[in-house]
């Protein structure tokens, strides 16, 4: 069996690593991939980015299954193109991908189907958005409606911060066309959780909950990033929280998917907030999270390919996910300057072979590993307790070196 994974980050390396454990799979191509993929016995990076070229490759190589990591390609409709050619592809079609691709569309979907979420207003005119800020209470959340690589959400503590956010998004076009529409939303105070879930559009099957660390600096300060670390399971996601999530968020979401006639096989990532007033949905992502995937998959005892195939057979209801009775901690090492300007081409060295390191922004040139992105690699530690998992991860990251290497020291401190 031949697999194609589309993406270049630690998420794609982790998915390839997990799938490679299935004996039916003979070869895993990842495009554009990274240097870590080629370290896998069954892995091979190929440098194709254009959707039509990827489609051509899948047809010529007779790829049995394609998985998409990139949200941009999902929103652009890559799944629809593959399905037109009768190719099996794991991910939402263009219609379902809009639940991530447009925050305006997703908020309207939530309201239509009774999904518990924060109050909000939508603006296409910056003047009206700025006028609205004159008559509301703070803090508020200002969101670019479109895709912004996880960086288009700003928590504004006061009116001036909110006005700056609106100007940067709508007038300065900091996130390009992603900021053509803005959502200004009620601020919810509490604990965030990421619940990634498999779906065949008939049932939704949640994975272990995770806790992301979004900000660049310790104590959740500084700029938003794509994610600086994750722990799983999330200690704030209790049985009571899961029960409320199921009733107030998961079930009405599934009802909406059925009534909107979204028919796909893939992953829905629920970003939730656990507050004193209950559990709220912040947003949908319609694919595996990064770096959540890197922390969650090492704890999954069930076979990933079996789960995916049951989605295509519309028999996900027969699956029961089996997990290691352990904790996982993922630390992201980034280039100095990330998430703004940073240098690439800096050599990365390892004191010894380390289990569970997923490469992200790393390329290989003449037997040397060089940085090639903002988030460079992910180090994962697992253990019988969260503290042991943290210790293992931080112990291992000390064995990796590159100039300007930065990572947070508080991942998993709760």
Protein backbone atom coordinates (compact mmCIF):
# COMPACT_ATOMS: atom_id res chain seq x y z
CA UNK A 1 0.00 0.00 0.00
CA UNK A 2 1.32 3.46 -0.95
CA UNK A 3 0.48 6.58 1.07
CA UNK A 4 0.84 10.27 0.19
CA UNK A 5 0.89 12.93 2.93
CA UNK A 6 0.71 16.61 1.95
CA UNK A 7 2.58 19.03 4.22
CA UNK A 8 6.02 19.83 5.55
CA UNK A 9 5.83 20.12 9.33
CA UNK A 10 6.21 18.10 12.50
CA UNK A 11 2.57 17.07 12.16
CA UNK A 12 3.25 15.35 8.83
CA UNK A 13 6.40 13.67 10.21
CA UNK A 14 4.34 12.35 13.17
CA UNK A 15 1.56 11.04 10.90
CA UNK A 16 4.12 9.32 8.65
CA UNK A 17 5.86 7.84 11.70
CA UNK A 18 2.60 6.43 13.06
CA UNK A 19 1.39 5.06 9.71
CA UNK A 20 4.77 3.43 9.04
CA UNK A 21 4.03 1.03 11.92
CA UNK A 22 1.35 -0.69 9.80
CA UNK A 23 2.76 -3.67 7.88
CA UNK A 24 0.34 -3.18 4.96
CA UNK A 25 2.00 0.14 4.14
CA UNK A 26 5.07 -0.26 1.93
CA UNK A 27 5.92 3.34 1.09
CA UNK A 28 5.01 6.81 2.41
CA UNK A 29 5.59 9.87 0.24
CA UNK A 30 5.41 13.30 1.88
CA UNK A 31 5.29 16.48 -0.17
CA UNK A 32 7.08 18.81 0.23
CA UNK A 33 8.16 16.98 3.39
CA UNK A 34 11.28 17.63 5.45
CA UNK A 35 14.54 15.94 6.38
CA UNK A 36 12.86 13.81 9.07
CA UNK A 37 10.68 11.96 6.57
CA UNK A 38 13.72 10.42 4.86
CA UNK A 39 14.91 9.04 8.22
CA UNK A 40 11.86 6.76 8.29
CA UNK A 41 12.44 3.36 6.71
CA UNK A 42 9.31 3.71 4.54
CA UNK A 43 9.48 7.50 4.13
CA UNK A 44 10.44 9.67 1.16
CA UNK A 45 10.16 13.44 0.73
CA UNK A 46 9.18 14.68 -2.71
CA UNK A 47 9.21 18.34 -3.67
CA UNK A 48 5.84 19.01 -5.29
CA UNK A 49 3.65 21.92 -4.16
CA UNK A 50 1.24 22.61 -7.02
CA UNK A 51 -2.14 20.89 -6.55
CA UNK A 52 -2.38 19.70 -10.15
CA UNK A 53 1.14 18.24 -9.99
CA UNK A 54 0.30 16.48 -6.71
CA UNK A 55 -2.83 15.04 -8.32
CA UNK A 56 -0.83 13.89 -11.35
CA UNK A 57 1.73 12.22 -9.07
CA UNK A 58 -1.02 10.40 -7.11
CA UNK A 59 -2.53 9.07 -10.35
CA UNK A 60 0.78 8.01 -11.90
CA UNK A 61 2.08 6.34 -8.73
CA UNK A 62 -1.30 4.71 -8.02
CA UNK A 63 -1.40 6.15 -4.50
CA UNK A 64 -3.86 4.20 -2.31
CA UNK A 65 -4.52 6.93 0.26
CA UNK A 66 -3.73 10.64 0.54
CA UNK A 67 -3.81 12.67 3.77
CA UNK A 68 -3.77 16.48 3.81
CA UNK A 69 -2.09 18.43 6.60
CA UNK A 70 -2.34 21.89 5.09
CA UNK A 71 -5.49 23.91 5.77
CA UNK A 72 -4.83 26.17 2.76
CA UNK A 73 -5.08 23.28 0.30
CA UNK A 74 -8.22 21.96 2.00
CA UNK A 75 -9.95 25.33 1.72
CA UNK A 76 -8.79 25.56 -1.92
CA UNK A 77 -10.62 22.29 -2.67
CA UNK A 78 -7.89 19.67 -3.10
CA UNK A 79 -10.18 16.94 -1.71
CA UNK A 80 -12.83 17.68 -4.36
CA UNK A 81 -10.20 17.41 -7.13
CA UNK A 82 -8.96 14.04 -5.85
CA UNK A 83 -12.49 12.68 -5.49
CA UNK A 84 -13.29 13.68 -9.08
CA UNK A 85 -10.50 11.29 -10.12
CA UNK A 86 -11.76 8.56 -7.75
CA UNK A 87 -8.71 8.86 -5.52
CA UNK A 88 -9.09 8.12 -1.81
CA UNK A 89 -8.27 11.22 0.24
CA UNK A 90 -8.66 11.84 3.98
CA UNK A 91 -9.90 15.35 4.66
CA UNK A 92 -12.90 17.68 4.26
CA UNK A 93 -14.19 18.81 0.90
CA UNK A 94 -14.23 22.52 0.10
CA UNK A 95 -17.66 23.04 1.66
CA UNK A 96 -16.76 21.44 5.00
CA UNK A 97 -13.30 23.06 5.03
CA UNK A 98 -15.01 26.46 5.22
CA UNK A 99 -15.75 25.70 8.86
CA UNK A 100 -12.06 26.53 9.31
CA UNK A 101 -11.53 28.73 6.26
CA UNK A 102 -14.03 31.41 7.33
CA UNK A 103 -14.60 32.34 10.97
CA UNK A 104 -17.72 34.20 9.86
CA UNK A 105 -19.13 31.08 8.18
CA UNK A 106 -18.24 28.89 11.18
CA UNK A 107 -19.85 31.27 13.72
CA UNK A 108 -23.05 31.36 11.63
CA UNK A 109 -22.98 27.53 11.48
CA UNK A 110 -22.56 27.36 15.28
CA UNK A 111 -25.51 29.68 15.85
CA UNK A 112 -27.70 27.91 13.30
CA UNK A 113 -27.24 24.52 14.95
CA UNK A 114 -27.11 25.61 18.59
CA UNK A 115 -23.41 25.00 19.24
CA UNK A 116 -22.44 26.79 22.45
CA UNK A 117 -20.08 29.65 21.51
CA UNK A 118 -19.22 33.23 22.48
CA UNK A 119 -21.36 36.22 21.44
CA UNK A 120 -19.95 38.03 18.39
CA UNK A 121 -20.37 40.67 15.68
CA UNK A 122 -19.05 40.57 12.09
CA UNK A 123 -17.61 43.56 10.19
CA UNK A 124 -16.56 44.10 6.59
CA UNK A 125 -16.04 47.86 7.13
CA UNK A 126 -13.17 49.00 9.37
CA UNK A 127 -14.92 52.29 10.26
CA UNK A 128 -17.98 50.43 11.58
CA UNK A 129 -15.74 48.00 13.47
CA UNK A 130 -13.90 50.92 15.13
CA UNK A 131 -17.20 52.62 15.98
CA UNK A 132 -18.45 49.39 17.57
CA UNK A 133 -15.39 49.34 19.85
CA UNK A 134 -16.52 52.67 21.35
CA UNK A 135 -19.59 51.13 22.96
CA UNK A 136 -18.51 47.73 24.28
CA UNK A 137 -16.70 46.39 27.34
CA UNK A 138 -13.20 44.91 27.34
CA UNK A 139 -11.33 42.60 26.99
CA UNK A 140 -12.57 41.35 23.60
CA UNK A 141 -11.24 38.98 20.96
CA UNK A 142 -10.55 40.32 17.45
CA UNK A 143 -10.28 37.66 14.73
CA UNK A 144 -9.34 37.80 11.07
CA UNK A 145 -12.04 35.70 9.39
CA UNK A 146 -9.76 33.85 6.97
CA UNK A 147 -6.73 31.59 7.37
CA UNK A 148 -3.81 33.25 9.16
CA UNK A 149 -1.60 30.29 10.21
CA UNK A 150 -2.98 30.40 13.76
CA UNK A 151 -1.87 34.02 14.25
CA UNK A 152 -5.00 35.97 13.30
CA UNK A 153 -6.62 35.98 16.75
CA UNK A 154 -5.83 38.90 19.07
CA UNK A 155 -7.03 39.23 22.67
CA UNK A 156 -7.41 42.99 23.21
CA UNK A 157 -7.32 44.00 26.88
CA UNK A 158 -8.57 47.53 26.21
CA UNK A 159 -10.01 49.82 23.56
CA UNK A 160 -6.63 50.95 22.17
CA UNK A 161 -5.38 47.37 21.72
CA UNK A 162 -8.65 46.46 19.99
CA UNK A 163 -8.41 49.45 17.64
CA UNK A 164 -4.80 48.56 16.80
CA UNK A 165 -5.88 44.97 16.04
CA UNK A 166 -8.70 46.13 13.74
CA UNK A 167 -6.40 48.55 11.90
CA UNK A 168 -3.65 45.95 11.45
CA UNK A 169 -6.08 43.31 10.19
CA UNK A 170 -8.47 45.38 8.06
CA UNK A 171 -6.49 48.44 6.95
CA UNK A 172 -2.82 47.36 7.00
CA UNK A 173 -3.80 43.88 5.72
CA UNK A 174 -1.36 42.14 8.07
CA UNK A 175 -2.96 38.81 7.13
CA UNK A 176 -3.76 39.76 3.52
CA UNK A 177 -7.31 38.85 2.39
CA UNK A 178 -7.84 36.80 5.57
CA UNK A 179 -8.64 40.19 7.14
CA UNK A 180 -11.31 41.32 4.67
CA UNK A 181 -13.85 40.39 7.34
CA UNK A 182 -13.34 40.65 11.09
CA UNK A 183 -15.12 38.92 13.95
CA UNK A 184 -15.22 40.81 17.26
CA UNK A 185 -16.10 38.35 19.96
CA UNK A 186 -16.91 38.17 23.65
CA UNK A 187 -13.81 37.30 25.70
CA UNK A 188 -14.11 34.03 27.58
CA UNK A 189 -11.93 33.44 30.62
CA UNK A 190 -10.89 29.91 31.49
CA UNK A 191 -8.77 27.02 30.26
CA UNK A 192 -8.38 26.14 26.60
CA UNK A 193 -8.42 22.59 25.29
CA UNK A 194 -7.92 20.98 21.88
CA UNK A 195 -10.10 17.97 21.10
CA UNK A 196 -9.10 16.37 17.79
CA UNK A 197 -11.73 13.92 16.53
CA UNK A 198 -12.06 11.43 13.69
CA UNK A 199 -15.24 11.60 11.63
CA UNK A 200 -16.91 9.75 8.77
CA UNK A 201 -19.73 12.38 8.73
CA UNK A 202 -22.00 9.89 10.51
CA UNK A 203 -20.26 9.82 13.90
CA UNK A 204 -17.53 11.90 15.53
CA UNK A 205 -14.97 10.01 17.63
CA UNK A 206 -12.83 12.21 19.93
CA UNK A 207 -9.15 11.54 20.62
CA UNK A 208 -7.40 12.41 23.88
CA UNK A 209 -7.75 16.09 24.73
CA UNK A 210 -4.63 18.24 24.53
CA UNK A 211 -3.50 21.61 25.89
CA UNK A 212 -1.69 23.91 23.47
CA UNK A 213 0.69 26.74 24.41
CA UNK A 214 0.16 29.40 21.73
CA UNK A 215 2.21 32.41 22.83
CA UNK A 216 5.91 32.76 22.09
CA UNK A 217 6.99 33.50 25.68
CA UNK A 218 6.48 31.88 29.07
CA UNK A 219 3.24 32.47 31.00
CA UNK A 220 1.38 32.86 27.69
CA UNK A 221 2.86 36.27 26.85
CA UNK A 222 4.07 37.81 23.60
CA UNK A 223 2.93 37.18 20.05
CA UNK A 224 0.72 34.33 18.84
CA UNK A 225 2.51 31.45 17.14
CA UNK A 226 1.47 28.25 15.40
CA UNK A 227 2.03 26.57 18.80
CA UNK A 228 5.08 26.29 21.09
CA UNK A 229 4.20 23.07 22.87
CA UNK A 230 1.45 20.69 23.92
CA UNK A 231 0.57 18.28 26.69
CA UNK A 232 -1.89 15.41 26.49
CA UNK A 233 -4.18 14.40 28.07
CA UNK A 234 -5.39 17.83 29.14
CA UNK A 235 -5.83 17.81 32.95
CA UNK A 236 -8.65 20.37 32.76
CA UNK A 237 -10.80 18.11 30.57
CA UNK A 238 -12.68 16.14 33.23
CA UNK A 239 -15.53 13.68 32.72
CA UNK A 240 -17.97 16.53 33.41
CA UNK A 241 -16.31 18.73 30.80
CA UNK A 242 -16.40 15.90 28.23
CA UNK A 243 -20.08 15.29 28.93
CA UNK A 244 -20.94 18.96 28.37
CA UNK A 245 -18.70 19.08 25.27
CA UNK A 246 -20.55 16.06 23.87
CA UNK A 247 -24.03 17.55 24.43
CA UNK A 248 -23.45 21.25 23.73
CA UNK A 249 -20.77 21.12 21.02
CA UNK A 250 -20.11 17.72 19.42
CA UNK A 251 -23.71 16.54 18.95
CA UNK A 252 -25.05 19.82 17.46
CA UNK A 253 -21.96 20.00 15.20
CA UNK A 254 -22.66 16.51 13.88
CA UNK A 255 -26.32 17.46 13.39
CA UNK A 256 -25.19 20.47 11.33
CA UNK A 257 -22.78 18.39 9.23
CA UNK A 258 -25.61 15.98 8.36
CA UNK A 259 -28.18 18.69 7.63
CA UNK A 260 -25.72 20.69 5.50
CA UNK A 261 -24.99 17.42 3.63
CA UNK A 262 -21.26 17.56 4.26
CA UNK A 263 -19.99 14.10 3.38
CA UNK A 264 -16.31 13.50 4.05
CA UNK A 265 -13.80 11.42 5.97
CA UNK A 266 -11.31 13.34 8.07
CA UNK A 267 -10.57 15.08 11.34
CA UNK A 268 -12.45 17.84 13.16
CA UNK A 269 -10.40 19.72 15.71
CA UNK A 270 -12.55 21.44 18.33
CA UNK A 271 -10.84 24.37 20.08
CA UNK A 272 -12.82 24.79 23.31
CA UNK A 273 -12.76 27.04 26.38
CA UNK A 274 -13.64 25.67 29.81
CA UNK A 275 -15.14 28.51 31.87
CA UNK A 276 -17.08 28.95 35.11
CA UNK A 277 -20.17 29.38 32.90
CA UNK A 278 -19.59 26.12 31.04
CA UNK A 279 -17.79 24.77 27.97
CA UNK A 280 -17.74 26.93 24.81
CA UNK A 281 -16.51 26.28 21.27
CA UNK A 282 -13.90 28.79 20.15
CA UNK A 283 -13.26 27.46 16.65
CA UNK A 284 -13.15 24.50 14.31
CA UNK A 285 -10.02 23.32 12.53
CA UNK A 286 -10.75 20.74 9.87
CA UNK A 287 -7.51 18.74 10.07
CA UNK A 288 -4.97 17.40 12.55
CA UNK A 289 -3.52 20.11 14.78
CA UNK A 290 0.13 21.09 14.87
CA UNK A 291 1.73 20.51 17.39
CA UNK A 292 -1.18 18.60 19.03
CA UNK A 293 -0.72 15.66 16.63
CA UNK A 294 2.90 15.23 17.72
CA UNK A 295 1.84 14.82 21.37
CA UNK A 296 -1.28 12.70 20.77
CA UNK A 297 -0.17 10.07 18.24
CA UNK A 298 2.62 8.60 20.46
CA UNK A 299 -0.13 7.76 22.99
CA UNK A 300 -2.42 6.06 20.44
CA UNK A 301 -2.21 2.27 20.71
CA UNK A 302 -4.89 1.70 18.04
CA UNK A 303 -3.69 1.41 14.45
CA UNK A 304 -4.09 4.73 12.64
CA UNK A 305 -4.65 3.17 9.21
CA UNK A 306 -7.42 0.93 10.59
CA UNK A 307 -9.21 3.99 11.98
CA UNK A 308 -8.89 5.88 8.69
CA UNK A 309 -10.13 2.90 6.67
CA UNK A 310 -13.15 2.52 8.95
CA UNK A 311 -14.00 6.17 8.14
CA UNK A 312 -14.09 5.37 4.41
CA UNK A 313 -16.23 2.31 5.08
CA UNK A 314 -18.60 4.52 7.13
CA UNK A 315 -18.05 2.17 10.06
CA UNK A 316 -16.30 4.49 12.49
CA UNK A 317 -19.04 3.63 15.02
CA UNK A 318 -17.33 0.22 15.37
CA UNK A 319 -14.02 1.76 16.47
CA UNK A 320 -12.95 2.15 20.07
CA UNK A 321 -9.75 4.14 20.42
CA UNK A 322 -7.18 2.51 22.72
CA UNK A 323 -4.61 4.72 24.46
CA UNK A 324 -1.40 4.27 26.41
CA UNK A 325 -2.01 5.03 30.08
CA UNK A 326 0.63 7.73 29.93
CA UNK A 327 1.11 11.47 29.53
CA UNK A 328 2.84 13.21 26.65
CA UNK A 329 4.70 16.52 26.49
CA UNK A 330 5.76 18.12 23.19
CA UNK A 331 8.22 21.04 23.15
CA UNK A 332 8.72 23.11 20.02
CA UNK A 333 12.21 24.45 19.31
CA UNK A 334 12.10 27.55 17.13
CA UNK A 335 14.47 29.88 15.30
CA UNK A 336 15.44 33.12 17.01
CA UNK A 337 13.05 35.85 15.88
CA UNK A 338 10.07 33.55 15.24
CA UNK A 339 7.13 34.29 14.76
CA UNK A 340 8.51 37.38 13.00
CA UNK A 341 11.79 37.53 11.04
CA UNK A 342 14.29 34.72 11.50
CA UNK A 343 17.35 33.29 9.75
CA UNK A 344 17.51 29.86 8.09
CA UNK A 345 20.40 27.64 6.98
CA UNK A 346 21.80 27.22 10.52
CA UNK A 347 23.28 23.80 11.31
CA UNK A 348 21.38 21.58 13.78
CA UNK A 349 23.36 18.99 15.76
CA UNK A 350 22.34 16.14 18.05
CA UNK A 351 24.42 14.76 20.95
CA UNK A 352 22.90 11.32 20.41
CA UNK A 353 19.93 9.62 18.78
CA UNK A 354 16.76 10.71 20.53
CA UNK A 355 13.47 8.85 20.42
CA UNK A 356 10.44 10.85 19.38
CA UNK A 357 11.85 13.92 17.67
CA UNK A 358 9.67 15.17 14.83
CA UNK A 359 11.30 17.49 12.30
CA UNK A 360 9.50 20.59 11.03
CA UNK A 361 11.65 23.35 9.51
CA UNK A 362 14.74 21.21 8.81
CA UNK A 363 16.39 20.31 5.53
CA UNK A 364 19.39 18.08 4.83
CA UNK A 365 22.31 19.30 2.76
CA UNK A 366 25.43 17.15 2.27
CA UNK A 367 24.82 15.12 5.47
CA UNK A 368 24.20 18.26 7.53
CA UNK A 369 20.83 19.21 9.03
CA UNK A 370 20.00 22.89 8.52
CA UNK A 371 17.15 25.04 9.81
CA UNK A 372 14.57 25.86 7.14
CA UNK A 373 11.70 27.43 9.06
CA UNK A 374 10.45 29.23 12.16
CA UNK A 375 9.40 26.16 14.08
CA UNK A 376 12.35 23.80 13.62
CA UNK A 377 11.57 20.59 15.49
CA UNK A 378 9.39 18.97 18.16
CA UNK A 379 10.74 16.92 21.05
CA UNK A 380 8.28 14.56 22.75
CA UNK A 381 8.55 12.98 26.17
CA UNK A 382 6.13 10.38 27.53
CA UNK A 383 5.77 9.10 31.08
CA UNK A 384 3.48 7.64 33.74
CA UNK A 385 2.80 11.17 35.00
CA UNK A 386 2.77 14.62 33.44
CA UNK A 387 5.86 15.58 35.45
CA UNK A 388 7.79 12.54 34.16
CA UNK A 389 6.76 13.33 30.57
CA UNK A 390 7.94 16.94 31.01
CA UNK A 391 11.26 15.80 32.51
CA UNK A 392 11.88 13.43 29.60
CA UNK A 393 11.08 16.06 26.98
CA UNK A 394 13.28 18.74 28.57
CA UNK A 395 16.08 16.25 29.13
CA UNK A 396 16.02 15.35 25.42
CA UNK A 397 15.80 18.89 24.09
CA UNK A 398 19.07 19.67 25.90
CA UNK A 399 20.77 17.23 23.50
CA UNK A 400 19.86 19.32 20.44
CA UNK A 401 21.75 22.45 19.40
CA UNK A 402 21.60 25.25 16.84
CA UNK A 403 22.49 28.92 17.05
CA UNK A 404 19.51 30.98 18.15
CA UNK A 405 17.54 27.92 19.30
CA UNK A 406 14.62 28.99 21.48
CA UNK A 407 11.99 27.03 23.39
CA UNK A 408 9.64 27.75 26.26
CA UNK A 409 10.61 26.38 29.67
CA UNK A 410 7.05 26.15 31.02
CA UNK A 411 5.31 23.69 28.69
CA UNK A 412 3.03 21.53 30.81
CA UNK A 413 3.26 23.65 33.96
CA UNK A 414 -0.36 23.99 35.02
